[in-house]
Every structure is written in structure tokens, then in C-alpha cells.
Amino acid sequence: MNYFDEIGVIEVSSDKQTVRLAKTESSKTLIDFFSRLILPLIDTYLISLTAIEQLCGKNLVIKQKTLVKELHVGIKHLYTQGCLPMLHSCLKETILTALTRFSQMGLLETTSYLTRKGNSTNFLRCPSECGPKMKELQDRLSKDRNFSKSHQQTIFTEIDDVIMRTQGPQPTARL
């Protein structure tokens, strides 16, 4: 906030309780620029959070690399469906950063195993006790995005598909 106050984009009251946008065209332009800059981040974090919410309390353990890959594919699909305005919401690095941040917040448990080649493989699990904290964050991010009902349904359907794809091929019944 101090940065935007110093450059004259916002005006902060003397008691630091109220902030308002400065009445200049450049301040509106700068706020619009930063709003559009963070929009893909909000989309990525919200969709990643919604995906791990599907894991919550279900005793599912998913390989992190697989989840990142499938979320990447799912977000690209949501972009082509018109649910997301910017394609770079699907960047694998941003998805990985979101999952890492959720793990740091205690919303995910990450377990690492060393492979024979010396590489590390991470597995993710979401304990049921994380549900309330996750729901609170999800509600806050959803409020900022305000997706239409049809877009919400498309997003939830795609996330269900993502979770199904992370579990590998499903066994088929033999006749």
C-alpha cells in the first residue's frame, strides 16, 4: 500500500483506515494494469485450490508431477471453453508454486521419496482437518473472481476430470 500511496495512485487517510483511488487517469490505468496482471494468478490458485479440495478427506495420494500436468491440461481446456480469459493461467510453474504455497499453509501434506536415480518424487495428500481453512480461502478467492453459474459448473466438471486422470486408467469389468 505504501508504494501506491507514494507514487500517487491511492490516497490513504491519516488514521490509515480508509484508502481511495486518486482521481487521475494514470492511477486508473495503473490499477487496471495490476488487476489484469494478477488475474491469471488468482485463476491458477483458485482452480488449484478447488482441485485439492476434491482430495480433502478422501484418503487419495496423488503424484505432484501428475497433478500439475493434468491441471495444466484442464486449465487449457477451461480457456478454450471461454471460462478463463487468459491462457497463461495454465503455466506449470505457477501451478507448482500454488501447490507448494498450499502445502506451506498446511492445506496439503507433501511426502518426498528418492528414486533410484537420486531424483525426488513428491506425493500430495489433503487431510480432512484442512477442510474449514481451505473453504475459507476458496470462498475469498471465489468472491474476487465471481464466475457465472455455468462457468462454475464447467470448472467443477473439469476439475473432477483432472482428479480422475491423475488416478490413472480405471479398471474395466470383464465379461
C-alpha atoms as a PDB file:
ATOM      1  CA  MET A   1       0.000   0.000   0.000  1.00  0.00           C
ATOM      2  CA  ASN A   2       2.845   2.367   0.802  1.00  0.00           C
ATOM      3  CA  TYR A   3       4.206   2.026  -2.728  1.00  0.00           C
ATOM      4  CA  PHE A   4       0.902   3.016  -4.348  1.00  0.00           C
ATOM      5  CA  ASP A   5       0.484   5.869  -1.863  1.00  0.00           C
ATOM      6  CA  GLU A   6       3.981   7.186  -2.569  1.00  0.00           C
ATOM      7  CA  ILE A   7       3.501   7.222  -6.341  1.00  0.00           C
ATOM      8  CA  GLY A   8       0.099   8.882  -6.040  1.00  0.00           C
ATOM      9  CA  VAL A   9      -2.147   6.049  -7.203  1.00  0.00           C
ATOM     10  CA  ILE A  10      -4.107   5.867  -3.967  1.00  0.00           C
ATOM     11  CA  GLU A  11      -4.775   8.234  -1.103  1.00  0.00           C
ATOM     12  CA  VAL A  12      -4.583   6.849   2.440  1.00  0.00           C
ATOM     13  CA  SER A  13      -6.400   8.601   5.281  1.00  0.00           C
ATOM     14  CA  SER A  14      -4.350   9.965   8.188  1.00  0.00           C
ATOM     15  CA  ASP A  15      -5.663   7.223  10.503  1.00  0.00           C
ATOM     16  CA  LYS A  16      -4.705   4.615   7.846  1.00  0.00           C
ATOM     17  CA  GLN A  17      -8.228   3.140   7.918  1.00  0.00           C
ATOM     18  CA  THR A  18      -9.502   4.357   4.548  1.00  0.00           C
ATOM     19  CA  VAL A  19      -7.993   4.076   1.084  1.00  0.00           C
ATOM     20  CA  ARG A  20      -9.359   5.567  -2.101  1.00  0.00           C
ATOM     21  CA  LEU A  21      -8.190   5.731  -5.677  1.00  0.00           C
ATOM     22  CA  ALA A  22      -6.581   9.023  -6.662  1.00  0.00           C
ATOM     23  CA  LYS A  23      -8.633  10.965  -9.207  1.00  0.00           C
ATOM     24  CA  THR A  24      -6.129  10.794 -12.049  1.00  0.00           C
ATOM     25  CA  GLU A  25      -6.222   8.903 -15.311  1.00  0.00           C
ATOM     26  CA  SER A  26      -2.765   7.444 -14.691  1.00  0.00           C
ATOM     27  CA  SER A  27      -3.872   5.956 -11.358  1.00  0.00           C
ATOM     28  CA  LYS A  28      -6.827   4.241 -13.033  1.00  0.00           C
ATOM     29  CA  THR A  29      -4.527   2.932 -15.772  1.00  0.00           C
ATOM     30  CA  LEU A  30      -2.007   1.579 -13.260  1.00  0.00           C
ATOM     31  CA  ILE A  31      -4.674  -0.124 -11.118  1.00  0.00           C
ATOM     32  CA  ASP A  32      -6.183  -1.672 -14.255  1.00  0.00           C
ATOM     33  CA  PHE A  33      -2.722  -2.876 -15.320  1.00  0.00           C
ATOM     34  CA  PHE A  34      -2.025  -4.563 -11.972  1.00  0.00           C
ATOM     35  CA  SER A  35      -5.537  -6.037 -11.829  1.00  0.00           C
ATOM     36  CA  ARG A  36      -5.027  -7.709 -15.188  1.00  0.00           C
ATOM     37  CA  LEU A  37      -1.529  -8.782 -14.172  1.00  0.00           C
ATOM     38  CA  ILE A  38      -2.717 -10.755 -11.131  1.00  0.00           C
ATOM     39  CA  LEU A  39      -5.915 -12.147 -12.672  1.00  0.00           C
ATOM     40  CA  PRO A  40      -4.203 -15.284 -14.107  1.00  0.00           C
ATOM     41  CA  LEU A  41      -2.553 -15.886 -10.723  1.00  0.00           C
ATOM     42  CA  ILE A  42      -5.892 -15.733  -8.946  1.00  0.00           C
ATOM     43  CA  ASP A  43      -7.386 -18.123 -11.519  1.00  0.00           C
ATOM     44  CA  THR A  44      -4.499 -20.589 -11.143  1.00  0.00           C
ATOM     45  CA  TYR A  45      -4.585 -20.515  -7.349  1.00  0.00           C
ATOM     46  CA  LEU A  46      -8.377 -20.818  -7.231  1.00  0.00           C
ATOM     47  CA  ILE A  47      -8.512 -23.765  -9.630  1.00  0.00           C
ATOM     48  CA  SER A  48      -5.585 -25.493  -7.902  1.00  0.00           C
ATOM     49  CA  LEU A  49      -7.264 -24.961  -4.538  1.00  0.00           C
ATOM     50  CA  THR A  50     -10.556 -26.319  -5.867  1.00  0.00           C
ATOM     51  CA  ALA A  51      -8.714 -29.389  -7.152  1.00  0.00           C
ATOM     52  CA  ILE A  52      -7.046 -30.138  -3.826  1.00  0.00           C
ATOM     53  CA  GLU A  53     -10.373 -29.544  -2.090  1.00  0.00           C
ATOM     54  CA  GLN A  54     -11.616 -32.554  -4.072  1.00  0.00           C
ATOM     55  CA  LEU A  55      -8.860 -34.608  -2.416  1.00  0.00           C
ATOM     56  CA  CYS A  56      -9.714 -33.430   1.092  1.00  0.00           C
ATOM     57  CA  GLY A  57     -10.523 -36.282   3.442  1.00  0.00           C
ATOM     58  CA  LYS A  58     -10.736 -38.899   0.675  1.00  0.00           C
ATOM     59  CA  ASN A  59      -7.534 -40.744   1.511  1.00  0.00           C
ATOM     60  CA  LEU A  60      -6.221 -40.110  -2.005  1.00  0.00           C
ATOM     61  CA  VAL A  61      -2.497 -39.728  -2.558  1.00  0.00           C
ATOM     62  CA  ILE A  62      -1.556 -38.157  -5.873  1.00  0.00           C
ATOM     63  CA  LYS A  63       1.808 -37.691  -7.509  1.00  0.00           C
ATOM     64  CA  GLN A  64       2.522 -33.944  -7.606  1.00  0.00           C
ATOM     65  CA  LYS A  65       4.012 -34.025 -11.098  1.00  0.00           C
ATOM     66  CA  THR A  66       0.888 -35.766 -12.434  1.00  0.00           C
ATOM     67  CA  LEU A  67      -1.450 -33.285 -10.745  1.00  0.00           C
ATOM     68  CA  VAL A  68       0.498 -30.323 -12.167  1.00  0.00           C
ATOM     69  CA  LYS A  69       0.396 -31.843 -15.665  1.00  0.00           C
ATOM     70  CA  GLU A  70      -3.327 -32.609 -15.513  1.00  0.00           C
ATOM     71  CA  LEU A  71      -4.196 -29.188 -14.050  1.00  0.00           C
ATOM     72  CA  HIS A  72      -2.198 -27.632 -16.892  1.00  0.00           C
ATOM     73  CA  VAL A  73      -4.274 -29.581 -19.429  1.00  0.00           C
ATOM     74  CA  GLY A  74      -7.508 -28.842 -17.555  1.00  0.00           C
ATOM     75  CA  ILE A  75      -6.869 -25.104 -17.363  1.00  0.00           C
ATOM     76  CA  LYS A  76      -6.086 -25.018 -21.093  1.00  0.00           C
ATOM     77  CA  HIS A  77      -9.417 -26.746 -21.700  1.00  0.00           C
ATOM     78  CA  LEU A  78     -11.199 -24.192 -19.498  1.00  0.00           C
ATOM     79  CA  TYR A  79      -9.581 -21.420 -21.542  1.00  0.00           C
ATOM     80  CA  THR A  80     -10.825 -22.925 -24.810  1.00  0.00           C
ATOM     81  CA  GLN A  81     -14.309 -23.215 -23.259  1.00  0.00           C
ATOM     82  CA  GLY A  82     -14.242 -19.470 -22.502  1.00  0.00           C
ATOM     83  CA  CYS A  83     -14.255 -19.889 -18.710  1.00  0.00           C
ATOM     84  CA  LEU A  84     -10.849 -18.250 -18.237  1.00  0.00           C
ATOM     85  CA  PRO A  85      -9.848 -15.042 -20.010  1.00  0.00           C
ATOM     86  CA  MET A  86      -6.083 -15.624 -20.191  1.00  0.00           C
ATOM     87  CA  LEU A  87      -4.210 -18.705 -21.350  1.00  0.00           C
ATOM     88  CA  HIS A  88      -1.213 -18.112 -19.103  1.00  0.00           C
ATOM     89  CA  SER A  89      -3.321 -19.226 -16.140  1.00  0.00           C
ATOM     90  CA  CYS A  90      -2.143 -22.722 -17.162  1.00  0.00           C
ATOM     91  CA  LEU A  91       1.598 -22.233 -16.585  1.00  0.00           C
ATOM     92  CA  LYS A  92       3.011 -25.332 -14.891  1.00  0.00           C
ATOM     93  CA  GLU A  93       5.404 -23.257 -12.791  1.00  0.00           C
ATOM     94  CA  THR A  94       2.540 -21.197 -11.375  1.00  0.00           C
ATOM     95  CA  ILE A  95       0.502 -24.327 -10.640  1.00  0.00           C
ATOM     96  CA  LEU A  96       3.503 -25.859  -8.848  1.00  0.00           C
ATOM     97  CA  THR A  97       4.026 -22.641  -6.888  1.00  0.00           C
ATOM     98  CA  ALA A  98       0.351 -22.664  -5.863  1.00  0.00           C
ATOM     99  CA  LEU A  99       0.563 -26.266  -4.653  1.00  0.00           C
ATOM    100  CA  THR A 100       3.787 -25.504  -2.785  1.00  0.00           C
ATOM    101  CA  ARG A 101       2.168 -22.497  -1.130  1.00  0.00           C
ATOM    102  CA  PHE A 102      -0.869 -24.540  -0.103  1.00  0.00           C
ATOM    103  CA  SER A 103       1.498 -27.112   1.384  1.00  0.00           C
ATOM    104  CA  GLN A 104       3.298 -24.362   3.326  1.00  0.00           C
ATOM    105  CA  MET A 105      -0.076 -23.180   4.623  1.00  0.00           C
ATOM    106  CA  GLY A 106      -0.797 -26.694   5.891  1.00  0.00           C
ATOM    107  CA  LEU A 107      -3.599 -27.396   3.410  1.00  0.00           C
ATOM    108  CA  LEU A 108      -1.636 -30.216   1.776  1.00  0.00           C
ATOM    109  CA  GLU A 109       0.730 -32.833   3.094  1.00  0.00           C
ATOM    110  CA  THR A 110       3.713 -33.395   0.833  1.00  0.00           C
ATOM    111  CA  THR A 111       5.757 -36.564   1.086  1.00  0.00           C
ATOM    112  CA  SER A 112       9.003 -36.916  -0.876  1.00  0.00           C
ATOM    113  CA  TYR A 113      10.708 -40.131  -1.865  1.00  0.00           C
ATOM    114  CA  LEU A 114      14.076 -40.560  -3.537  1.00  0.00           C
ATOM    115  CA  THR A 115      14.147 -42.577  -6.739  1.00  0.00           C
ATOM    116  CA  ARG A 116      16.919 -44.967  -7.693  1.00  0.00           C
ATOM    117  CA  LYS A 117      18.383 -42.274  -9.921  1.00  0.00           C
ATOM    118  CA  GLY A 118      18.600 -39.860  -6.996  1.00  0.00           C
ATOM    119  CA  ASN A 119      15.665 -37.702  -8.046  1.00  0.00           C
ATOM    120  CA  SER A 120      12.854 -36.797  -5.715  1.00  0.00           C
ATOM    121  CA  THR A 121       9.202 -37.727  -6.290  1.00  0.00           C
ATOM    122  CA  ASN A 122       6.572 -35.803  -4.352  1.00  0.00           C
ATOM    123  CA  PHE A 123       3.157 -37.104  -3.392  1.00  0.00           C
ATOM    124  CA  LEU A 124       0.268 -34.947  -2.175  1.00  0.00           C
ATOM    125  CA  ARG A 125      -2.479 -35.706   0.286  1.00  0.00           C
ATOM    126  CA  CYS A 126      -5.119 -33.450   1.799  1.00  0.00           C
ATOM    127  CA  PRO A 127      -6.153 -34.302   5.364  1.00  0.00           C
ATOM    128  CA  SER A 128      -9.805 -33.751   6.270  1.00  0.00           C
ATOM    129  CA  GLU A 129      -8.974 -31.341   9.105  1.00  0.00           C
ATOM    130  CA  CYS A 130      -7.820 -28.805   6.494  1.00  0.00           C
ATOM    131  CA  GLY A 131     -11.354 -28.513   5.108  1.00  0.00           C
ATOM    132  CA  PRO A 132     -12.559 -25.409   7.027  1.00  0.00           C
ATOM    133  CA  LYS A 133      -9.395 -23.382   6.382  1.00  0.00           C
ATOM    134  CA  MET A 134      -9.439 -24.409   2.722  1.00  0.00           C
ATOM    135  CA  LYS A 135     -13.117 -23.492   2.343  1.00  0.00           C
ATOM    136  CA  GLU A 136     -12.471 -20.048   3.842  1.00  0.00           C
ATOM    137  CA  LEU A 137      -9.653 -19.342   1.375  1.00  0.00           C
ATOM    138  CA  GLN A 138     -11.663 -20.760  -1.519  1.00  0.00           C
ATOM    139  CA  ASP A 139     -14.656 -18.555  -0.660  1.00  0.00           C
ATOM    140  CA  ARG A 140     -12.410 -15.479  -0.526  1.00  0.00           C
ATOM    141  CA  LEU A 141     -10.765 -16.173  -3.888  1.00  0.00           C
ATOM    142  CA  SER A 142     -14.129 -17.041  -5.468  1.00  0.00           C
ATOM    143  CA  LYS A 143     -15.551 -13.733  -4.303  1.00  0.00           C
ATOM    144  CA  ASP A 144     -12.759 -11.922  -6.166  1.00  0.00           C
ATOM    145  CA  ARG A 145     -13.443 -13.819  -9.406  1.00  0.00           C
ATOM    146  CA  ASN A 146     -17.239 -14.063  -9.409  1.00  0.00           C
ATOM    147  CA  PHE A 147     -17.607 -16.727 -12.135  1.00  0.00           C
ATOM    148  CA  SER A 148     -21.045 -17.224 -13.696  1.00  0.00           C
ATOM    149  CA  LYS A 149     -23.007 -20.321 -12.625  1.00  0.00           C
ATOM    150  CA  SER A 150     -22.404 -22.031 -15.973  1.00  0.00           C
ATOM    151  CA  HIS A 151     -18.659 -21.311 -15.801  1.00  0.00           C
ATOM    152  CA  GLN A 152     -18.559 -22.606 -12.215  1.00  0.00           C
ATOM    153  CA  GLN A 153     -20.207 -25.836 -13.326  1.00  0.00           C
ATOM    154  CA  THR A 154     -17.768 -26.210 -16.228  1.00  0.00           C
ATOM    155  CA  ILE A 155     -14.828 -25.596 -13.871  1.00  0.00           C
ATOM    156  CA  PHE A 156     -16.056 -28.160 -11.325  1.00  0.00           C
ATOM    157  CA  THR A 157     -16.654 -30.742 -14.060  1.00  0.00           C
ATOM    158  CA  GLU A 158     -13.165 -30.191 -15.470  1.00  0.00           C
ATOM    159  CA  ILE A 159     -11.601 -30.471 -12.011  1.00  0.00           C
ATOM    160  CA  ASP A 160     -13.425 -33.767 -11.465  1.00  0.00           C
ATOM    161  CA  ASP A 161     -11.959 -34.953 -14.767  1.00  0.00           C
ATOM    162  CA  VAL A 162      -8.486 -33.773 -13.694  1.00  0.00           C
ATOM    163  CA  ILE A 163      -8.710 -35.765 -10.461  1.00  0.00           C
ATOM    164  CA  MET A 164      -9.894 -38.843 -12.361  1.00  0.00           C
ATOM    165  CA  ARG A 165      -6.990 -38.551 -14.832  1.00  0.00           C
ATOM    166  CA  THR A 166      -4.431 -38.264 -12.004  1.00  0.00           C
ATOM    167  CA  GLN A 167      -5.508 -41.666 -10.712  1.00  0.00           C
ATOM    168  CA  GLY A 168      -4.575 -43.419 -13.941  1.00  0.00           C
ATOM    169  CA  PRO A 169      -6.653 -45.777 -16.035  1.00  0.00           C
ATOM    170  CA  GLN A 170      -9.702 -47.165 -14.269  1.00  0.00           C
ATOM    171  CA  PRO A 171     -10.175 -50.930 -14.253  1.00  0.00           C
ATOM    172  CA  THR A 172     -12.923 -52.174 -16.535  1.00  0.00           C
ATOM    173  CA  ALA A 173     -15.228 -55.046 -15.760  1.00  0.00           C
ATOM    174  CA  ARG A 174     -14.596 -58.307 -17.563  1.00  0.00           C
ATOM    175  CA  LEU A 175     -17.477 -60.145 -19.115  1.00  0.00           C
END
